[in-house]
Amino acid sequence: PENHLYQITMNQTVSETLDKSDVRHKRFEARVRYIKDSYVLWRRNFLMMIGTFIILFLVIVAILAPLLATHDPYDQILPDRLSPPSRTYYLGTDSLGRDIYSRIVYGARVTLTIAFLVAFISTPLGLVIGVTAGWFGGAIDEILMRLSDVFLAFPRLILAIAFAAALGPGVENAIIAIAVANWPSYARLARAETLSVKNNDYIQVIRTLGAGNLRIMAGHITPMCMSSIIVRMSLDMGTIILTAAGLGFLGLGAQPPTPEWVLMVSDGRQILVDQWWVSTLPGFAILIVVMGFNLLGDCISDIHYPHQRHSFMERRFTHIQ
């Protein structure tokens, strides 16, 4: 009997191990299928591909800036000031004789730094506040949501200008100001997602098994919010760059002689008619990058949109049949 009991225990253990291995394998297959379907959806939309390539190009330019630049972006060659585009200066020079092409190349680093740091600060902050408010409810929810209402009552640019003016000019302070003005939208979205899943059966089962609030919020609620948060973050990247541009134009962002696109636009606004290249070319760089982020955001939104993915799966299943 003892050997028989031991054999039964071993069989149960092996069965559980096989079940866990099978579950892991199915999860892996589902993830691979999800990535493949996302790639097909991306490839079928020409505008999505354009936005992706624009952002990838910007990242490559920022990384390889020392190799791509033809001059030091800080060198002032006064005899060549306000030179038009030529073989020596591909995009001309500014009022201090600095090469505009090299400054645009190095300016990609500043733009990416601002955009990504603002996103990486405001997104987790809003996510934590939204999940906390939605999970606990009651007084905590009221306090946090009324606080977000105060922030949402003001236009984002005006709020960022107020915080930047209080903190002082500089890239670091501009990043903090934009991030503080940007978190309420993520908090609202995370709260809505939390309220939609907190009463689901599997959450109640997890609570019955003894899981604490922190474990449920971090391990089960937050992952359910990530899809919508990522879509919202990708759509906000262009707005972040434009907000940073507004601060920079008012002198609250990057300070001279930093090679920053908005500073270059501001420096050339007095000579826009005669020396158009000083302001126009950095302005085109801002235009292209914002358009790229907007197209990429639409791409991510379409990929994560359930109806879009469901209709694609139905068409593929019909084709297979």
Protein backbone atom coordinates (compact mmCIF):
# COMPACT_ATOMS: atom_id res chain seq x y z
CA PRO A 1 0.00 0.00 0.00
CA GLU A 2 2.80 2.37 0.78
CA ASN A 3 4.40 1.76 -2.62
CA HIS A 4 1.04 2.17 -4.29
CA LEU A 5 0.49 5.50 -2.49
CA TYR A 6 3.97 6.62 -3.48
CA GLN A 7 3.27 5.71 -7.11
CA ILE A 8 0.02 7.69 -7.07
CA THR A 9 1.82 10.72 -5.60
CA MET A 10 4.55 10.49 -8.24
CA ASN A 11 2.00 10.21 -11.03
CA GLN A 12 0.19 13.29 -9.76
CA THR A 13 3.46 15.21 -9.54
CA VAL A 14 4.46 14.23 -13.08
CA SER A 15 0.97 15.12 -14.34
CA GLU A 16 1.13 18.55 -12.70
CA THR A 17 4.61 19.11 -14.14
CA LEU A 18 3.39 18.18 -17.63
CA ASP A 19 0.37 20.43 -17.24
CA LYS A 20 2.59 23.37 -16.26
CA SER A 21 4.94 22.66 -19.16
CA ASP A 22 1.99 22.48 -21.55
CA VAL A 23 0.62 25.77 -20.22
CA ARG A 24 4.01 27.46 -20.68
CA HIS A 25 4.25 26.10 -24.22
CA LYS A 26 0.77 27.35 -25.10
CA ARG A 27 1.56 30.76 -23.64
CA PHE A 28 4.72 30.94 -25.73
CA GLU A 29 2.81 29.96 -28.88
CA ALA A 30 0.16 32.60 -28.16
CA ARG A 31 2.83 35.29 -27.76
CA VAL A 32 4.55 34.26 -30.99
CA ARG A 33 1.21 34.30 -32.81
CA TYR A 34 0.41 37.74 -31.37
CA ILE A 35 3.75 39.13 -32.57
CA LYS A 36 3.28 37.64 -36.05
CA ASP A 37 -0.24 39.05 -36.35
CA SER A 38 1.00 42.46 -35.17
CA TYR A 39 3.74 42.39 -37.79
CA VAL A 40 1.22 41.55 -40.52
CA LEU A 41 -1.07 44.38 -39.41
CA TRP A 42 1.91 46.75 -39.38
CA ARG A 43 3.08 45.68 -42.83
CA ARG A 44 -0.39 46.08 -44.36
CA ASN A 45 -0.57 49.79 -43.43
CA PHE A 46 1.78 52.01 -45.44
CA LEU A 47 1.43 55.01 -43.09
CA MET A 48 2.33 52.84 -40.11
CA MET A 49 5.55 51.81 -41.84
CA ILE A 50 6.41 55.43 -42.65
CA GLY A 51 5.97 56.51 -39.02
CA THR A 52 8.07 53.60 -37.77
CA PHE A 53 10.88 54.32 -40.21
CA ILE A 54 10.88 58.02 -39.32
CA ILE A 55 11.34 57.27 -35.61
CA LEU A 56 13.96 54.59 -36.30
CA PHE A 57 15.81 57.06 -38.51
CA LEU A 58 15.69 59.67 -35.76
CA VAL A 59 17.07 57.19 -33.22
CA ILE A 60 19.89 56.18 -35.57
CA VAL A 61 20.75 59.83 -36.24
CA ALA A 62 20.83 60.55 -32.50
CA ILE A 63 23.10 57.58 -31.81
CA LEU A 64 25.47 58.27 -34.71
CA ALA A 65 25.47 62.07 -34.35
CA PRO A 66 29.29 62.34 -33.88
CA LEU A 67 29.80 60.36 -37.09
CA LEU A 68 27.13 62.11 -39.17
CA ALA A 69 27.92 65.70 -38.18
CA THR A 70 30.37 67.54 -40.43
CA HIS A 71 31.24 70.27 -37.89
CA ASP A 72 31.26 70.77 -34.16
CA PRO A 73 27.74 72.07 -33.34
CA TYR A 74 29.26 74.63 -30.92
CA ASP A 75 31.97 76.04 -33.23
CA GLN A 76 31.38 79.69 -34.12
CA ILE A 77 32.91 80.62 -37.47
CA LEU A 78 31.97 84.29 -37.66
CA PRO A 79 33.35 84.95 -41.19
CA ASP A 80 30.88 82.34 -42.49
CA ARG A 81 27.85 83.57 -40.56
CA LEU A 82 24.48 83.32 -42.35
CA SER A 83 26.01 81.40 -45.25
CA PRO A 84 23.41 79.73 -47.48
CA PRO A 85 23.38 75.95 -48.02
CA SER A 86 26.49 74.83 -49.90
CA ARG A 87 28.95 71.93 -50.18
CA THR A 88 30.81 73.16 -47.11
CA TYR A 89 27.68 73.78 -45.05
CA TYR A 90 24.94 71.42 -46.24
CA LEU A 91 22.11 73.43 -44.64
CA GLY A 92 23.87 76.77 -44.22
CA THR A 93 24.99 78.52 -41.04
CA ASP A 94 23.25 80.61 -38.40
CA SER A 95 23.93 84.13 -37.15
CA LEU A 96 27.04 82.95 -35.26
CA GLY A 97 28.49 80.88 -38.07
CA ARG A 98 27.49 77.51 -36.61
CA ASP A 99 26.71 74.69 -39.02
CA ILE A 100 22.93 74.15 -39.07
CA TYR A 101 23.14 70.58 -40.35
CA SER A 102 25.39 69.49 -37.48
CA ARG A 103 23.21 71.26 -34.95
CA ILE A 104 20.08 69.54 -36.31
CA VAL A 105 21.82 66.16 -36.08
CA TYR A 106 22.85 66.75 -32.46
CA GLY A 107 19.45 68.30 -31.72
CA ALA A 108 17.86 64.89 -32.34
CA ARG A 109 19.45 63.75 -29.08
CA VAL A 110 17.86 66.56 -27.11
CA THR A 111 14.45 65.96 -28.67
CA LEU A 112 14.51 62.21 -27.97
CA THR A 113 15.77 62.80 -24.43
CA ILE A 114 12.90 65.14 -23.63
CA ALA A 115 10.23 62.96 -25.25
CA PHE A 116 11.29 59.67 -23.68
CA LEU A 117 12.10 61.01 -20.22
CA VAL A 118 8.74 62.78 -19.99
CA ALA A 119 6.98 59.59 -21.07
CA PHE A 120 8.96 57.43 -18.63
CA ILE A 121 8.21 59.79 -15.73
CA SER A 122 4.57 60.68 -16.31
CA THR A 123 3.38 57.25 -17.46
CA PRO A 124 4.39 55.23 -14.35
CA LEU A 125 3.25 58.07 -12.10
CA GLY A 126 -0.20 58.22 -13.69
CA LEU A 127 -0.42 54.42 -13.79
CA VAL A 128 0.30 54.06 -10.07
CA ILE A 129 -2.14 56.82 -9.11
CA GLY A 130 -4.89 55.49 -11.38
CA VAL A 131 -4.58 51.87 -10.25
CA THR A 132 -4.49 52.93 -6.59
CA ALA A 133 -7.58 55.10 -6.96
CA GLY A 134 -9.52 52.47 -8.88
CA TRP A 135 -8.64 49.58 -6.59
CA PHE A 136 -9.21 51.17 -3.19
CA GLY A 137 -12.05 53.54 -4.14
CA GLY A 138 -13.73 55.60 -1.46
CA ALA A 139 -11.87 58.56 -0.02
CA ILE A 140 -8.60 57.65 -1.74
CA ASP A 141 -10.31 57.61 -5.11
CA GLU A 142 -12.03 60.94 -4.45
CA ILE A 143 -8.84 62.69 -3.35
CA LEU A 144 -6.68 61.43 -6.22
CA MET A 145 -9.30 62.03 -8.90
CA ARG A 146 -10.13 65.52 -7.68
CA LEU A 147 -6.41 66.26 -7.77
CA SER A 148 -6.28 65.07 -11.38
CA ASP A 149 -9.35 67.21 -12.15
CA VAL A 150 -7.44 70.27 -10.93
CA PHE A 151 -4.62 69.50 -13.34
CA LEU A 152 -6.98 68.71 -16.21
CA ALA A 153 -8.82 72.01 -15.70
CA PHE A 154 -5.87 73.85 -17.25
CA PRO A 155 -4.50 73.43 -20.77
CA ARG A 156 -1.42 71.23 -20.69
CA LEU A 157 0.86 73.86 -22.23
CA ILE A 158 -0.25 76.56 -19.79
CA LEU A 159 0.31 74.21 -16.85
CA ALA A 160 3.76 73.24 -18.15
CA ILE A 161 4.67 76.91 -18.59
CA ALA A 162 3.63 77.64 -15.00
CA PHE A 163 5.71 74.80 -13.56
CA ALA A 164 8.70 75.58 -15.79
CA ALA A 165 8.59 79.24 -14.79
CA ALA A 166 8.53 78.22 -11.12
CA LEU A 167 11.40 75.75 -11.50
CA GLY A 168 13.51 77.92 -13.78
CA PRO A 169 14.81 77.51 -17.35
CA GLY A 170 16.66 74.39 -18.42
CA VAL A 171 16.08 71.03 -20.08
CA GLU A 172 15.80 69.14 -16.78
CA ASN A 173 13.20 71.53 -15.36
CA ALA A 174 11.27 71.48 -18.64
CA ILE A 175 11.12 67.67 -18.49
CA ILE A 176 9.80 67.78 -14.92
CA ALA A 177 7.25 70.47 -15.78
CA ILE A 178 5.87 68.59 -18.79
CA ALA A 179 5.77 65.29 -16.86
CA VAL A 180 3.85 66.87 -13.98
CA ALA A 181 1.35 68.35 -16.43
CA ASN A 182 1.04 65.07 -18.33
CA TRP A 183 0.22 62.41 -15.71
CA PRO A 184 -3.55 63.00 -15.12
CA SER A 185 -4.59 61.54 -18.48
CA TYR A 186 -2.77 58.28 -17.69
CA ALA A 187 -4.26 58.21 -14.19
CA ARG A 188 -7.78 58.55 -15.56
CA LEU A 189 -7.21 55.79 -18.10
CA ALA A 190 -5.63 53.42 -15.56
CA ARG A 191 -8.48 54.02 -13.11
CA ALA A 192 -11.08 53.19 -15.75
CA GLU A 193 -9.27 49.97 -16.67
CA THR A 194 -8.94 49.03 -12.98
CA LEU A 195 -12.66 49.54 -12.34
CA SER A 196 -13.49 47.33 -15.32
CA VAL A 197 -11.46 44.35 -14.07
CA LYS A 198 -11.40 44.61 -10.25
CA ASN A 199 -14.70 42.74 -9.84
CA ASN A 200 -13.91 39.95 -12.31
CA ASP A 201 -14.14 36.39 -11.03
CA TYR A 202 -10.43 35.62 -11.30
CA ILE A 203 -9.59 38.66 -9.15
CA GLN A 204 -12.03 37.47 -6.50
CA VAL A 205 -10.46 34.01 -6.59
CA ILE A 206 -7.00 35.51 -6.11
CA ARG A 207 -8.25 37.49 -3.12
CA THR A 208 -9.83 34.36 -1.67
CA LEU A 209 -6.49 32.57 -1.92
CA GLY A 210 -4.97 35.22 0.32
CA ALA A 211 -3.21 37.57 -2.09
CA GLY A 212 -2.67 41.06 -0.69
CA ASN A 213 -3.65 44.36 -2.27
CA LEU A 214 -0.12 45.15 -3.45
CA ARG A 215 0.32 41.78 -5.11
CA ILE A 216 -3.03 41.99 -6.90
CA MET A 217 -2.44 45.57 -8.03
CA ALA A 218 1.11 44.91 -9.28
CA GLY A 219 0.70 41.42 -10.65
CA HIS A 220 -2.85 41.30 -12.00
CA ILE A 221 -4.38 44.78 -12.36
CA THR A 222 -1.41 46.72 -13.76
CA PRO A 223 -0.72 44.26 -16.64
CA MET A 224 -4.35 44.64 -17.73
CA CYS A 225 -3.84 48.41 -17.97
CA MET A 226 -0.58 48.31 -19.93
CA SER A 227 -2.08 47.90 -23.40
CA SER A 228 -4.21 51.07 -23.17
CA ILE A 229 -1.41 52.98 -21.41
CA ILE A 230 1.11 52.13 -24.13
CA VAL A 231 -1.30 53.24 -26.84
CA ARG A 232 -1.96 56.52 -25.03
CA MET A 233 1.76 57.10 -24.44
CA SER A 234 2.61 56.56 -28.10
CA LEU A 235 -0.11 59.01 -29.15
CA ASP A 236 1.16 61.61 -26.65
CA MET A 237 4.78 61.63 -27.87
CA GLY A 238 4.10 64.23 -30.56
CA THR A 239 2.23 66.42 -28.07
CA ILE A 240 5.17 66.18 -25.65
CA ILE A 241 7.57 67.40 -28.33
CA LEU A 242 5.28 70.32 -29.23
CA THR A 243 4.88 71.25 -25.56
CA ALA A 244 8.67 71.19 -25.16
CA ALA A 245 8.88 73.34 -28.28
CA GLY A 246 6.54 75.89 -26.74
CA LEU A 247 8.64 76.05 -23.58
CA GLY A 248 11.83 76.35 -25.58
CA PHE A 249 10.45 79.17 -27.71
CA LEU A 250 9.58 81.08 -24.53
CA GLY A 251 13.08 80.57 -23.15
CA LEU A 252 11.99 78.04 -20.50
CA GLY A 253 13.51 74.96 -22.15
CA ALA A 254 17.01 74.30 -23.41
CA GLN A 255 19.37 77.23 -23.10
CA PRO A 256 21.99 78.51 -25.57
CA PRO A 257 24.32 77.25 -26.91
CA THR A 258 22.59 73.84 -26.71
CA PRO A 259 21.88 72.52 -30.23
CA GLU A 260 18.11 72.29 -29.85
CA TRP A 261 15.68 72.63 -32.74
CA VAL A 262 13.29 75.12 -31.16
CA LEU A 263 16.16 77.36 -30.09
CA MET A 264 17.35 77.35 -33.69
CA VAL A 265 13.88 78.33 -34.91
CA SER A 266 13.73 81.11 -32.31
CA ASP A 267 17.20 82.43 -33.19
CA GLY A 268 16.28 82.87 -36.83
CA ARG A 269 12.83 84.39 -36.53
CA GLN A 270 14.14 87.96 -36.98
CA ILE A 271 15.83 87.07 -40.30
CA LEU A 272 13.24 84.65 -41.60
CA VAL A 273 12.64 86.51 -44.87
CA ASP A 274 16.24 86.99 -45.99
CA GLN A 275 17.94 83.95 -44.39
CA TRP A 276 15.07 81.48 -44.45
CA TRP A 277 17.22 78.39 -43.83
CA VAL A 278 18.09 79.38 -40.25
CA SER A 279 14.54 78.80 -38.94
CA THR A 280 12.82 76.83 -41.69
CA LEU A 281 15.04 73.74 -41.73
CA PRO A 282 14.90 73.07 -37.95
CA GLY A 283 11.15 73.70 -38.20
CA PHE A 284 10.87 71.00 -40.86
CA ALA A 285 12.77 68.63 -38.55
CA ILE A 286 10.19 69.23 -35.81
CA LEU A 287 7.35 68.75 -38.29
CA ILE A 288 8.69 65.44 -39.59
CA VAL A 289 9.41 64.00 -36.14
CA VAL A 290 6.00 64.95 -34.73
CA MET A 291 4.34 63.46 -37.80
CA GLY A 292 6.41 60.29 -37.33
CA PHE A 293 5.38 59.92 -33.70
CA ASN A 294 1.72 60.52 -34.58
CA LEU A 295 1.80 57.89 -37.32
CA LEU A 296 3.57 55.46 -35.00
CA GLY A 297 0.96 56.11 -32.32
CA ASP A 298 -1.82 55.37 -34.78
CA CYS A 299 0.05 52.19 -35.73
CA ILE A 300 0.23 50.96 -32.13
CA SER A 301 -3.40 51.96 -31.55
CA ASP A 302 -4.58 49.96 -34.57
CA ILE A 303 -2.50 46.93 -33.58
CA HIS A 304 -3.89 46.89 -30.04
CA TYR A 305 -7.45 47.74 -31.10
CA PRO A 306 -9.45 44.52 -30.49
CA HIS A 307 -11.89 45.02 -33.37
CA GLN A 308 -9.04 45.54 -35.85
CA ARG A 309 -7.25 42.39 -34.69
CA HIS A 310 -10.47 40.35 -34.53
CA SER A 311 -11.48 41.30 -38.07
CA PHE A 312 -7.99 40.43 -39.30
CA MET A 313 -8.15 37.01 -37.60
CA GLU A 314 -11.56 36.34 -39.15
CA ARG A 315 -10.26 37.19 -42.63
CA ARG A 316 -7.23 34.96 -42.14
CA PHE A 317 -9.38 32.08 -40.86
CA THR A 318 -11.74 32.45 -43.84
CA HIS A 319 -8.77 32.45 -46.22
CA ILE A 320 -7.41 29.26 -44.62
CA GLN A 321 -10.80 27.58 -44.91
